[in-house]
Amino acid sequence: MQRIVWIDWAKAILIFLMVLGHNFPVRWQYDIIYAFHMPAFFIISGYLYHQHSWKRTLKSFGIPVMAFSLLNLAIYMLPKILRGKMDFSDLAARILLPFIGGYVPEHLDYIFVFPGVWFIIVLLLGRFLMGDVKIFSFIPKYVKYSLPLLCLFLVVEPFIFPNDSLAVYKPYLVVSCLPFMLFGYLMAKYEMANKFKLPLVAFLVVFLPVTFIQGSCSILNYKFGYSYILFFFNAILGSIILFTLCAKFSRPNRMIEIFLKGTILILAFNFNLKDFCSILFNKLGLGSFTEDTNVYPWIVSILTMAICYYPIKWLLAHHPILLGK
């Protein structure tokens, strides 16, 4: 399939924003990023969606997640075992809880073997519901009805489940992400990408004020500000602004393509690399710089992307299956 340049650039920017968000920049930057960056990922996923066998989809996501989780588990456990400080109590539950979610006993601490795995789980389930599991193919087939109905449900859902009793379970997050995949599917169906002529002034006069009024939003934490429907439309606006900017790029870029193929690797190891950078800066006597939430998160995010580049390139050449390829 021929590469779509604006999507390549948009995904690369979103990957960087994902890493940046995980480094907790200053509040206003954080709020802008989380107002649209994860929805934009799901919009692109819906835009590019083509039906595959659910077994192929499961293999593409499952193998990298399993391999990188085992490596992260080893990185976590080995130093503790060597120092005799490894706590083996409830080990399976502590490893699996970040994958499943739910109500966690106070004494039980997570072991994050794959930070951000919720995104992979939701994307996998989203693909199943888009038609990889054929029984659900009616959802995109009748997208004009399924999309507004799903949004309507999410508007009234706080009254049905007032304590977010289902939102603590990671697979349930697909409910709030699927509307964005369906919107992306609509974009492709009606060739809306050819109409990216949105005045960028909209960024200043609509998207930014709504974002700051809404405050900190997060799909993972099931926080949608005043209303899911406001979050939904503002996230779409932010995403289209990004797509409009990226539509100005006309040439493919090999480095960008490498990063795109290594999204799962970056997601798996960006937290470890954040810790590595923190140790490095402290060793260099720059510990106070790590407290600068304006600049330091950007530096760490750039370093993280740079460190990941050659491992991604090597895996693509020798073990592409570990990248889901």
C-alpha atoms as a PDB file:
ATOM      1  CA  MET A   1       0.000   0.000   0.000  1.00  0.00           C
ATOM      2  CA  GLN A   2       1.330   3.429  -0.929  1.00  0.00           C
ATOM      3  CA  ARG A   3       2.425   5.523   2.040  1.00  0.00           C
ATOM      4  CA  ILE A   4       0.338   8.585   2.908  1.00  0.00           C
ATOM      5  CA  VAL A   5       2.834  11.310   3.758  1.00  0.00           C
ATOM      6  CA  TRP A   6       0.620  13.460   5.986  1.00  0.00           C
ATOM      7  CA  ILE A   7      -0.243  10.406   8.079  1.00  0.00           C
ATOM      8  CA  ASP A   8       3.444   9.527   8.471  1.00  0.00           C
ATOM      9  CA  TRP A   9       4.228  12.993   9.780  1.00  0.00           C
ATOM     10  CA  ALA A  10       1.143  13.132  11.995  1.00  0.00           C
ATOM     11  CA  LYS A  11       1.908   9.761  13.589  1.00  0.00           C
ATOM     12  CA  ALA A  12       5.549  10.701  14.165  1.00  0.00           C
ATOM     13  CA  ILE A  13       4.519  13.930  15.901  1.00  0.00           C
ATOM     14  CA  LEU A  14       1.961  12.024  17.975  1.00  0.00           C
ATOM     15  CA  ILE A  15       4.563   9.449  19.038  1.00  0.00           C
ATOM     16  CA  PHE A  16       6.807  12.278  20.200  1.00  0.00           C
ATOM     17  CA  LEU A  17       3.892  13.920  22.040  1.00  0.00           C
ATOM     18  CA  MET A  18       3.144  10.579  23.717  1.00  0.00           C
ATOM     19  CA  VAL A  19       6.718  10.419  25.041  1.00  0.00           C
ATOM     20  CA  LEU A  20       6.582  14.091  26.005  1.00  0.00           C
ATOM     21  CA  GLY A  21       3.331  13.576  27.911  1.00  0.00           C
ATOM     22  CA  HIS A  22       4.906  10.712  29.845  1.00  0.00           C
ATOM     23  CA  ASN A  23       7.625  13.131  30.970  1.00  0.00           C
ATOM     24  CA  PHE A  24       5.016  15.436  32.531  1.00  0.00           C
ATOM     25  CA  PRO A  25       5.705  18.849  30.992  1.00  0.00           C
ATOM     26  CA  VAL A  26       4.363  22.043  32.504  1.00  0.00           C
ATOM     27  CA  ARG A  27       0.594  21.983  33.048  1.00  0.00           C
ATOM     28  CA  TRP A  28      -0.497  24.021  30.006  1.00  0.00           C
ATOM     29  CA  GLN A  29       1.602  21.871  27.656  1.00  0.00           C
ATOM     30  CA  TYR A  30       0.270  18.700  29.277  1.00  0.00           C
ATOM     31  CA  ASP A  31      -3.350  19.827  28.902  1.00  0.00           C
ATOM     32  CA  ILE A  32      -2.900  20.653  25.201  1.00  0.00           C
ATOM     33  CA  ILE A  33      -1.225  17.314  24.458  1.00  0.00           C
ATOM     34  CA  TYR A  34      -3.827  15.218  26.266  1.00  0.00           C
ATOM     35  CA  ALA A  35      -6.710  17.151  24.727  1.00  0.00           C
ATOM     36  CA  PHE A  36      -6.135  15.434  21.386  1.00  0.00           C
ATOM     37  CA  HIS A  37      -3.036  13.239  20.982  1.00  0.00           C
ATOM     38  CA  MET A  38      -4.510   9.831  21.904  1.00  0.00           C
ATOM     39  CA  PRO A  39      -7.780  10.514  20.030  1.00  0.00           C
ATOM     40  CA  ALA A  40      -5.693  11.465  16.976  1.00  0.00           C
ATOM     41  CA  PHE A  41      -3.927   8.089  17.137  1.00  0.00           C
ATOM     42  CA  PHE A  42      -7.289   6.333  17.070  1.00  0.00           C
ATOM     43  CA  ILE A  43      -8.595   8.564  14.267  1.00  0.00           C
ATOM     44  CA  ILE A  44      -5.604   7.579  12.125  1.00  0.00           C
ATOM     45  CA  SER A  45      -6.118   3.915  13.029  1.00  0.00           C
ATOM     46  CA  GLY A  46      -9.709   4.151  11.836  1.00  0.00           C
ATOM     47  CA  TYR A  47      -8.661   6.020   8.712  1.00  0.00           C
ATOM     48  CA  LEU A  48      -6.189   3.280   7.771  1.00  0.00           C
ATOM     49  CA  TYR A  49      -8.372   0.382   8.878  1.00  0.00           C
ATOM     50  CA  HIS A  50      -8.600  -2.614   6.579  1.00  0.00           C
ATOM     51  CA  GLN A  51     -10.189  -5.829   7.736  1.00  0.00           C
ATOM     52  CA  HIS A  52      -7.774  -8.609   8.680  1.00  0.00           C
ATOM     53  CA  SER A  53      -8.143 -11.937  10.423  1.00  0.00           C
ATOM     54  CA  TRP A  54      -8.393 -11.462  14.184  1.00  0.00           C
ATOM     55  CA  LYS A  55      -5.624 -14.060  14.522  1.00  0.00           C
ATOM     56  CA  ARG A  56      -3.260 -11.934  12.427  1.00  0.00           C
ATOM     57  CA  THR A  57      -4.135  -8.834  14.445  1.00  0.00           C
ATOM     58  CA  LEU A  58      -3.604 -10.665  17.725  1.00  0.00           C
ATOM     59  CA  LYS A  59      -0.226 -11.957  16.514  1.00  0.00           C
ATOM     60  CA  SER A  60       0.910  -8.484  15.355  1.00  0.00           C
ATOM     61  CA  PHE A  61       0.204  -6.966  18.761  1.00  0.00           C
ATOM     62  CA  GLY A  62       0.726  -9.979  21.013  1.00  0.00           C
ATOM     63  CA  ILE A  63       4.260 -11.006  20.051  1.00  0.00           C
ATOM     64  CA  PRO A  64       5.889  -7.572  20.569  1.00  0.00           C
ATOM     65  CA  VAL A  65       3.986  -6.978  23.824  1.00  0.00           C
ATOM     66  CA  MET A  66       5.014 -10.376  25.202  1.00  0.00           C
ATOM     67  CA  ALA A  67       8.673 -10.034  24.142  1.00  0.00           C
ATOM     68  CA  PHE A  68       9.135  -6.472  25.413  1.00  0.00           C
ATOM     69  CA  SER A  69       7.231  -7.233  28.629  1.00  0.00           C
ATOM     70  CA  LEU A  70       9.598 -10.103  29.407  1.00  0.00           C
ATOM     71  CA  LEU A  71      12.599  -7.865  28.767  1.00  0.00           C
ATOM     72  CA  ASN A  72      11.205  -5.110  30.989  1.00  0.00           C
ATOM     73  CA  LEU A  73      10.441  -7.692  33.670  1.00  0.00           C
ATOM     74  CA  ALA A  74      14.058  -8.850  33.572  1.00  0.00           C
ATOM     75  CA  ILE A  75      15.271  -5.237  33.800  1.00  0.00           C
ATOM     76  CA  TYR A  76      13.039  -4.772  36.852  1.00  0.00           C
ATOM     77  CA  MET A  77      13.795  -8.047  38.623  1.00  0.00           C
ATOM     78  CA  LEU A  78      17.489  -8.773  38.075  1.00  0.00           C
ATOM     79  CA  PRO A  79      18.947  -5.841  40.067  1.00  0.00           C
ATOM     80  CA  LYS A  80      16.525  -6.567  42.919  1.00  0.00           C
ATOM     81  CA  ILE A  81      17.358 -10.288  42.907  1.00  0.00           C
ATOM     82  CA  LEU A  82      21.101  -9.548  42.950  1.00  0.00           C
ATOM     83  CA  ARG A  83      20.604  -7.232  45.929  1.00  0.00           C
ATOM     84  CA  GLY A  84      18.285  -9.717  47.638  1.00  0.00           C
ATOM     85  CA  LYS A  85      15.406  -7.219  47.659  1.00  0.00           C
ATOM     86  CA  MET A  86      13.004  -8.816  45.183  1.00  0.00           C
ATOM     87  CA  ASP A  87       9.481  -9.211  46.544  1.00  0.00           C
ATOM     88  CA  PHE A  88       7.903 -12.296  44.938  1.00  0.00           C
ATOM     89  CA  SER A  89       4.582 -12.048  46.787  1.00  0.00           C
ATOM     90  CA  ASP A  90       1.509 -11.874  44.498  1.00  0.00           C
ATOM     91  CA  LEU A  91       3.916 -11.593  41.557  1.00  0.00           C
ATOM     92  CA  ALA A  92       1.468 -12.731  38.856  1.00  0.00           C
ATOM     93  CA  ALA A  93      -1.244 -10.334  40.047  1.00  0.00           C
ATOM     94  CA  ARG A  94       1.193  -7.406  40.228  1.00  0.00           C
ATOM     95  CA  ILE A  95       2.324  -8.074  36.652  1.00  0.00           C
ATOM     96  CA  LEU A  96      -1.131  -8.666  35.172  1.00  0.00           C
ATOM     97  CA  LEU A  97      -3.063  -5.876  36.898  1.00  0.00           C
ATOM     98  CA  PRO A  98      -1.702  -3.109  34.607  1.00  0.00           C
ATOM     99  CA  PHE A  99      -2.968  -5.157  31.657  1.00  0.00           C
ATOM    100  CA  ILE A 100      -6.422  -5.756  33.096  1.00  0.00           C
ATOM    101  CA  GLY A 101      -7.033  -2.951  35.556  1.00  0.00           C
ATOM    102  CA  GLY A 102      -9.685  -3.192  38.227  1.00  0.00           C
ATOM    103  CA  TYR A 103      -9.793  -2.398  41.895  1.00  0.00           C
ATOM    104  CA  VAL A 104      -6.376  -2.864  43.456  1.00  0.00           C
ATOM    105  CA  PRO A 105      -5.778  -3.823  47.104  1.00  0.00           C
ATOM    106  CA  GLU A 106      -3.845  -1.064  48.873  1.00  0.00           C
ATOM    107  CA  HIS A 107      -0.934  -3.354  49.719  1.00  0.00           C
ATOM    108  CA  LEU A 108      -0.445  -4.463  46.105  1.00  0.00           C
ATOM    109  CA  ASP A 109       1.979  -2.447  43.959  1.00  0.00           C
ATOM    110  CA  TYR A 110       1.949  -2.719  40.171  1.00  0.00           C
ATOM    111  CA  ILE A 111       4.923  -3.924  38.177  1.00  0.00           C
ATOM    112  CA  PHE A 112       4.783  -2.012  34.886  1.00  0.00           C
ATOM    113  CA  VAL A 113       6.314  -4.465  32.438  1.00  0.00           C
ATOM    114  CA  PHE A 114       4.783  -2.582  29.501  1.00  0.00           C
ATOM    115  CA  PRO A 115       3.938   1.055  30.260  1.00  0.00           C
ATOM    116  CA  GLY A 116       1.093   2.268  28.078  1.00  0.00           C
ATOM    117  CA  VAL A 117      -0.126  -1.254  27.334  1.00  0.00           C
ATOM    118  CA  TRP A 118      -3.694   0.024  27.675  1.00  0.00           C
ATOM    119  CA  PHE A 119      -3.274   1.678  24.263  1.00  0.00           C
ATOM    120  CA  ILE A 120      -2.291  -1.628  22.645  1.00  0.00           C
ATOM    121  CA  ILE A 121      -5.182  -3.448  24.347  1.00  0.00           C
ATOM    122  CA  VAL A 122      -7.710  -0.818  23.276  1.00  0.00           C
ATOM    123  CA  LEU A 123      -6.356  -0.652  19.725  1.00  0.00           C
ATOM    124  CA  LEU A 124      -6.552  -4.447  19.476  1.00  0.00           C
ATOM    125  CA  LEU A 125     -10.145  -4.506  20.749  1.00  0.00           C
ATOM    126  CA  GLY A 126     -11.007  -1.549  18.529  1.00  0.00           C
ATOM    127  CA  ARG A 127      -9.830  -3.467  15.478  1.00  0.00           C
ATOM    128  CA  PHE A 128     -11.872  -6.469  16.578  1.00  0.00           C
ATOM    129  CA  LEU A 129     -14.973  -4.263  16.859  1.00  0.00           C
ATOM    130  CA  MET A 130     -14.260  -2.589  13.501  1.00  0.00           C
ATOM    131  CA  GLY A 131     -14.550  -5.966  11.775  1.00  0.00           C
ATOM    132  CA  ASP A 132     -11.491  -8.149  12.416  1.00  0.00           C
ATOM    133  CA  VAL A 133     -14.015 -10.241  14.344  1.00  0.00           C
ATOM    134  CA  LYS A 134     -16.596 -10.438  11.572  1.00  0.00           C
ATOM    135  CA  ILE A 135     -19.625 -10.565  13.819  1.00  0.00           C
ATOM    136  CA  PHE A 136     -18.945  -6.883  14.659  1.00  0.00           C
ATOM    137  CA  SER A 137     -18.565  -5.709  11.054  1.00  0.00           C
ATOM    138  CA  PHE A 138     -22.016  -4.081  11.277  1.00  0.00           C
ATOM    139  CA  ILE A 139     -20.459  -1.326  13.471  1.00  0.00           C
ATOM    140  CA  PRO A 140     -18.452   0.351  10.668  1.00  0.00           C
ATOM    141  CA  LYS A 141     -21.041  -0.698   8.071  1.00  0.00           C
ATOM    142  CA  TYR A 142     -23.649   1.431   9.828  1.00  0.00           C
ATOM    143  CA  VAL A 143     -21.150   4.024  11.077  1.00  0.00           C
ATOM    144  CA  LYS A 144     -23.621   6.907  10.600  1.00  0.00           C
ATOM    145  CA  TYR A 145     -25.721   5.327  13.341  1.00  0.00           C
ATOM    146  CA  SER A 146     -23.160   3.549  15.513  1.00  0.00           C
ATOM    147  CA  LEU A 147     -20.974   6.653  15.976  1.00  0.00           C
ATOM    148  CA  PRO A 148     -23.695   9.022  17.320  1.00  0.00           C
ATOM    149  CA  LEU A 149     -25.262   6.237  19.389  1.00  0.00           C
ATOM    150  CA  LEU A 150     -21.949   5.459  21.006  1.00  0.00           C
ATOM    151  CA  CYS A 151     -21.332   9.154  21.719  1.00  0.00           C
ATOM    152  CA  LEU A 152     -24.827   9.450  23.183  1.00  0.00           C
ATOM    153  CA  PHE A 153     -24.126   6.494  25.456  1.00  0.00           C
ATOM    154  CA  LEU A 154     -20.904   8.119  26.655  1.00  0.00           C
ATOM    155  CA  VAL A 155     -22.776  11.337  27.450  1.00  0.00           C
ATOM    156  CA  VAL A 156     -25.321   9.539  29.670  1.00  0.00           C
ATOM    157  CA  GLU A 157     -22.906   6.900  30.966  1.00  0.00           C
ATOM    158  CA  PRO A 158     -21.841   8.950  34.054  1.00  0.00           C
ATOM    159  CA  PHE A 159     -25.459   8.785  35.202  1.00  0.00           C
ATOM    160  CA  ILE A 160     -25.647   5.033  34.588  1.00  0.00           C
ATOM    161  CA  PHE A 161     -22.284   4.260  36.206  1.00  0.00           C
ATOM    162  CA  PRO A 162     -21.741   7.289  38.492  1.00  0.00           C
ATOM    163  CA  ASN A 163     -18.525   5.978  40.077  1.00  0.00           C
ATOM    164  CA  ASP A 164     -16.857   4.932  36.817  1.00  0.00           C
ATOM    165  CA  SER A 165     -17.228   1.390  38.065  1.00  0.00           C
ATOM    166  CA  LEU A 166     -16.340  -0.110  34.670  1.00  0.00           C
ATOM    167  CA  ALA A 167     -13.729   2.460  33.642  1.00  0.00           C
ATOM    168  CA  VAL A 168     -11.171   0.991  36.050  1.00  0.00           C
ATOM    169  CA  TYR A 169     -10.910  -2.014  33.730  1.00  0.00           C
ATOM    170  CA  LYS A 170      -8.520  -1.347  30.845  1.00  0.00           C
ATOM    171  CA  PRO A 171     -10.495  -3.198  28.122  1.00  0.00           C
ATOM    172  CA  TYR A 172     -13.523  -0.997  28.854  1.00  0.00           C
ATOM    173  CA  LEU A 173     -11.576   2.047  27.625  1.00  0.00           C
ATOM    174  CA  VAL A 174     -12.324   0.870  24.081  1.00  0.00           C
ATOM    175  CA  VAL A 175     -15.815   2.324  24.553  1.00  0.00           C
ATOM    176  CA  SER A 176     -14.450   5.882  24.741  1.00  0.00           C
ATOM    177  CA  CYS A 177     -11.848   5.326  21.987  1.00  0.00           C
ATOM    178  CA  LEU A 178     -13.987   3.577  19.384  1.00  0.00           C
ATOM    179  CA  PRO A 179     -15.848   6.802  18.375  1.00  0.00           C
ATOM    180  CA  PHE A 180     -12.519   8.260  17.224  1.00  0.00           C
ATOM    181  CA  MET A 181     -11.730   5.144  15.170  1.00  0.00           C
ATOM    182  CA  LEU A 182     -15.181   5.373  13.604  1.00  0.00           C
ATOM    183  CA  PHE A 183     -14.636   9.052  12.829  1.00  0.00           C
ATOM    184  CA  GLY A 184     -11.354   8.145  11.116  1.00  0.00           C
ATOM    185  CA  TYR A 185     -13.190   5.486   9.153  1.00  0.00           C
ATOM    186  CA  LEU A 186     -15.705   8.139   8.052  1.00  0.00           C
ATOM    187  CA  MET A 187     -12.849  10.434   7.046  1.00  0.00           C
ATOM    188  CA  ALA A 188     -11.484   7.767   4.717  1.00  0.00           C
ATOM    189  CA  LYS A 189     -14.910   6.782   3.389  1.00  0.00           C
ATOM    190  CA  TYR A 190     -15.797  10.339   2.372  1.00  0.00           C
ATOM    191  CA  GLU A 191     -12.229  11.369   1.455  1.00  0.00           C
ATOM    192  CA  MET A 192     -12.296  14.146   4.025  1.00  0.00           C
ATOM    193  CA  ALA A 193      -8.494  14.308   4.026  1.00  0.00           C
ATOM    194  CA  ASN A 194      -8.686  16.077   0.658  1.00  0.00           C
ATOM    195  CA  LYS A 195     -10.554  18.894   2.396  1.00  0.00           C
ATOM    196  CA  PHE A 196      -7.946  19.813   5.013  1.00  0.00           C
ATOM    197  CA  LYS A 197      -8.243  23.554   4.587  1.00  0.00           C
ATOM    198  CA  LEU A 198      -9.088  24.429   8.171  1.00  0.00           C
ATOM    199  CA  PRO A 199      -7.791  27.928   9.038  1.00  0.00           C
ATOM    200  CA  LEU A 200      -5.115  27.453  11.682  1.00  0.00           C
ATOM    201  CA  VAL A 201      -6.505  30.489  13.487  1.00  0.00           C
ATOM    202  CA  ALA A 202      -9.120  28.007  14.767  1.00  0.00           C
ATOM    203  CA  PHE A 203      -6.364  26.654  16.978  1.00  0.00           C
ATOM    204  CA  LEU A 204      -6.308  29.953  18.828  1.00  0.00           C
ATOM    205  CA  VAL A 205      -9.965  30.862  18.841  1.00  0.00           C
ATOM    206  CA  VAL A 206     -11.627  27.498  19.518  1.00  0.00           C
ATOM    207  CA  PHE A 207      -9.321  24.622  20.400  1.00  0.00           C
ATOM    208  CA  LEU A 208      -7.133  26.382  22.968  1.00  0.00           C
ATOM    209  CA  PRO A 209      -9.934  28.074  24.969  1.00  0.00           C
ATOM    210  CA  VAL A 210     -11.984  24.860  25.083  1.00  0.00           C
ATOM    211  CA  THR A 211      -8.900  22.902  26.147  1.00  0.00           C
ATOM    212  CA  PHE A 212      -8.143  25.240  29.034  1.00  0.00           C
ATOM    213  CA  ILE A 213     -11.808  25.382  30.079  1.00  0.00           C
ATOM    214  CA  GLN A 214     -11.936  21.587  30.091  1.00  0.00           C
ATOM    215  CA  GLY A 215      -8.746  21.287  32.138  1.00  0.00           C
ATOM    216  CA  SER A 216      -6.673  18.097  32.282  1.00  0.00           C
ATOM    217  CA  CYS A 217      -8.358  15.338  30.275  1.00  0.00           C
ATOM    218  CA  SER A 218      -7.172  11.767  29.895  1.00  0.00           C
ATOM    219  CA  ILE A 219      -8.722   8.762  28.201  1.00  0.00           C
ATOM    220  CA  LEU A 220      -6.656   6.429  30.396  1.00  0.00           C
ATOM    221  CA  ASN A 221      -8.010   8.031  33.573  1.00  0.00           C
ATOM    222  CA  TYR A 222     -11.487   8.413  32.067  1.00  0.00           C
ATOM    223  CA  LYS A 223     -11.390  12.184  32.532  1.00  0.00           C
ATOM    224  CA  PHE A 224     -13.313  14.093  29.852  1.00  0.00           C
ATOM    225  CA  GLY A 225     -13.742  17.479  31.470  1.00  0.00           C
ATOM    226  CA  TYR A 226     -17.297  18.797  31.551  1.00  0.00           C
ATOM    227  CA  SER A 227     -18.643  16.341  28.995  1.00  0.00           C
ATOM    228  CA  TYR A 228     -17.456  13.545  26.744  1.00  0.00           C
ATOM    229  CA  ILE A 229     -19.153  15.169  23.754  1.00  0.00           C
ATOM    230  CA  LEU A 230     -17.191  18.408  24.310  1.00  0.00           C
ATOM    231  CA  PHE A 231     -13.997  16.388  24.694  1.00  0.00           C
ATOM    232  CA  PHE A 232     -14.847  14.445  21.513  1.00  0.00           C
ATOM    233  CA  PHE A 233     -15.387  17.473  19.286  1.00  0.00           C
ATOM    234  CA  ASN A 234     -12.435  19.391  20.708  1.00  0.00           C
ATOM    235  CA  ALA A 235     -10.162  16.372  20.212  1.00  0.00           C
ATOM    236  CA  ILE A 236     -11.337  16.107  16.616  1.00  0.00           C
ATOM    237  CA  LEU A 237     -10.632  19.810  16.115  1.00  0.00           C
ATOM    238  CA  GLY A 238      -7.128  19.442  17.565  1.00  0.00           C
ATOM    239  CA  SER A 239      -6.503  16.363  15.417  1.00  0.00           C
ATOM    240  CA  ILE A 240      -7.662  18.037  12.208  1.00  0.00           C
ATOM    241  CA  ILE A 241      -5.451  21.037  12.951  1.00  0.00           C
ATOM    242  CA  LEU A 242      -2.497  18.650  13.241  1.00  0.00           C
ATOM    243  CA  PHE A 243      -3.508  16.864  10.033  1.00  0.00           C
ATOM    244  CA  THR A 244      -3.844  20.212   8.259  1.00  0.00           C
ATOM    245  CA  LEU A 245      -0.316  21.156   9.263  1.00  0.00           C
ATOM    246  CA  CYS A 246       1.034  17.753   8.233  1.00  0.00           C
ATOM    247  CA  ALA A 247      -0.718  17.951   4.858  1.00  0.00           C
ATOM    248  CA  LYS A 248       1.797  20.672   4.000  1.00  0.00           C
ATOM    249  CA  PHE A 249       4.561  18.037   3.946  1.00  0.00           C
ATOM    250  CA  SER A 250       4.784  16.472   0.506  1.00  0.00           C
ATOM    251  CA  ARG A 251       7.922  14.341   0.723  1.00  0.00           C
ATOM    252  CA  PRO A 252       8.310  11.043   2.590  1.00  0.00           C
ATOM    253  CA  ASN A 253      11.105  10.848   5.149  1.00  0.00           C
ATOM    254  CA  ARG A 254      13.006   7.627   5.884  1.00  0.00           C
ATOM    255  CA  MET A 255      13.730   8.542   9.518  1.00  0.00           C
ATOM    256  CA  ILE A 256      10.045   9.230  10.128  1.00  0.00           C
ATOM    257  CA  GLU A 257       9.135   5.834   8.639  1.00  0.00           C
ATOM    258  CA  ILE A 258      11.581   4.094  10.997  1.00  0.00           C
ATOM    259  CA  PHE A 259      10.000   5.708  14.040  1.00  0.00           C
ATOM    260  CA  LEU A 260       6.516   4.746  12.853  1.00  0.00           C
ATOM    261  CA  LYS A 261       7.485   1.093  12.542  1.00  0.00           C
ATOM    262  CA  GLY A 262       8.912   1.173  16.049  1.00  0.00           C
ATOM    263  CA  THR A 263       5.927   2.668  17.864  1.00  0.00           C
ATOM    264  CA  ILE A 264       5.475  -0.412  20.079  1.00  0.00           C
ATOM    265  CA  LEU A 265       9.156  -0.417  21.067  1.00  0.00           C
ATOM    266  CA  ILE A 266       9.090   3.281  21.957  1.00  0.00           C
ATOM    267  CA  LEU A 267       5.928   2.736  23.987  1.00  0.00           C
ATOM    268  CA  ALA A 268       7.468  -0.220  25.804  1.00  0.00           C
ATOM    269  CA  PHE A 269      10.726   1.411  26.850  1.00  0.00           C
ATOM    270  CA  ASN A 270      10.134   5.162  27.099  1.00  0.00           C
ATOM    271  CA  PHE A 271       9.589   4.983  30.872  1.00  0.00           C
ATOM    272  CA  ASN A 272      12.864   3.103  31.393  1.00  0.00           C
ATOM    273  CA  LEU A 273      14.631   5.649  29.203  1.00  0.00           C
ATOM    274  CA  LYS A 274      13.069   8.469  31.217  1.00  0.00           C
ATOM    275  CA  ASP A 275      14.594   6.955  34.366  1.00  0.00           C
ATOM    276  CA  PHE A 276      17.926   6.475  32.579  1.00  0.00           C
ATOM    277  CA  CYS A 277      17.999  10.144  31.535  1.00  0.00           C
ATOM    278  CA  SER A 278      17.187  11.246  35.077  1.00  0.00           C
ATOM    279  CA  ILE A 279      20.111   9.195  36.445  1.00  0.00           C
ATOM    280  CA  LEU A 280      22.378  10.504  33.686  1.00  0.00           C
ATOM    281  CA  PHE A 281      21.569  14.155  34.394  1.00  0.00           C
ATOM    282  CA  ASN A 282      22.103  13.622  38.113  1.00  0.00           C
ATOM    283  CA  LYS A 283      25.464  11.949  37.476  1.00  0.00           C
ATOM    284  CA  LEU A 284      26.462  14.943  35.342  1.00  0.00           C
ATOM    285  CA  GLY A 285      25.615  17.275  38.205  1.00  0.00           C
ATOM    286  CA  LEU A 286      22.529  18.605  36.447  1.00  0.00           C
ATOM    287  CA  GLY A 287      19.979  17.234  38.910  1.00  0.00           C
ATOM    288  CA  SER A 288      18.344  20.626  39.384  1.00  0.00           C
ATOM    289  CA  PHE A 289      17.642  20.793  35.634  1.00  0.00           C
ATOM    290  CA  THR A 290      15.362  17.751  35.930  1.00  0.00           C
ATOM    291  CA  GLU A 291      12.949  19.927  37.916  1.00  0.00           C
ATOM    292  CA  ASP A 292      12.450  22.275  34.940  1.00  0.00           C
ATOM    293  CA  THR A 293       9.077  21.193  33.563  1.00  0.00           C
ATOM    294  CA  ASN A 294       9.271  23.684  30.680  1.00  0.00           C
ATOM    295  CA  VAL A 295      12.407  22.410  28.938  1.00  0.00           C
ATOM    296  CA  TYR A 296      13.635  19.169  30.544  1.00  0.00           C
ATOM    297  CA  PRO A 297      10.705  16.969  29.336  1.00  0.00           C
ATOM    298  CA  TRP A 298      11.431  18.054  25.757  1.00  0.00           C
ATOM    299  CA  ILE A 299      15.127  17.203  26.087  1.00  0.00           C
ATOM    300  CA  VAL A 300      14.354  13.754  27.535  1.00  0.00           C
ATOM    301  CA  SER A 301      11.756  13.080  24.837  1.00  0.00           C
ATOM    302  CA  ILE A 302      14.216  13.954  22.061  1.00  0.00           C
ATOM    303  CA  LEU A 303      16.871  11.732  23.692  1.00  0.00           C
ATOM    304  CA  THR A 304      14.360   8.886  24.025  1.00  0.00           C
ATOM    305  CA  MET A 305      13.460   9.022  20.337  1.00  0.00           C
ATOM    306  CA  ALA A 306      17.142   9.204  19.353  1.00  0.00           C
ATOM    307  CA  ILE A 307      18.097   6.225  21.546  1.00  0.00           C
ATOM    308  CA  CYS A 308      15.257   4.119  20.111  1.00  0.00           C
ATOM    309  CA  TYR A 309      16.099   4.834  16.469  1.00  0.00           C
ATOM    310  CA  TYR A 310      18.883   2.302  15.860  1.00  0.00           C
ATOM    311  CA  PRO A 311      17.328  -0.567  17.852  1.00  0.00           C
ATOM    312  CA  ILE A 312      14.173  -0.107  15.738  1.00  0.00           C
ATOM    313  CA  LYS A 313      16.258  -0.092  12.560  1.00  0.00           C
ATOM    314  CA  TRP A 314      18.112  -3.251  13.627  1.00  0.00           C
ATOM    315  CA  LEU A 315      14.916  -5.100  14.550  1.00  0.00           C
ATOM    316  CA  LEU A 316      13.337  -4.152  11.228  1.00  0.00           C
ATOM    317  CA  ALA A 317      16.290  -5.714   9.428  1.00  0.00           C
ATOM    318  CA  HIS A 318      16.605  -8.850  11.566  1.00  0.00           C
ATOM    319  CA  HIS A 319      13.456  -9.492  13.650  1.00  0.00           C
ATOM    320  CA  PRO A 320      10.562  -7.425  12.252  1.00  0.00           C
ATOM    321  CA  ILE A 321       8.052  -9.693  13.997  1.00  0.00           C
ATOM    322  CA  LEU A 322       9.109  -8.066  17.297  1.00  0.00           C
ATOM    323  CA  LEU A 323       7.779  -4.783  15.927  1.00  0.00           C
ATOM    324  CA  GLY A 324       4.540  -6.357  14.790  1.00  0.00           C
ATOM    325  CA  LYS A 325       5.641  -6.451  11.149  1.00  0.00           C
END
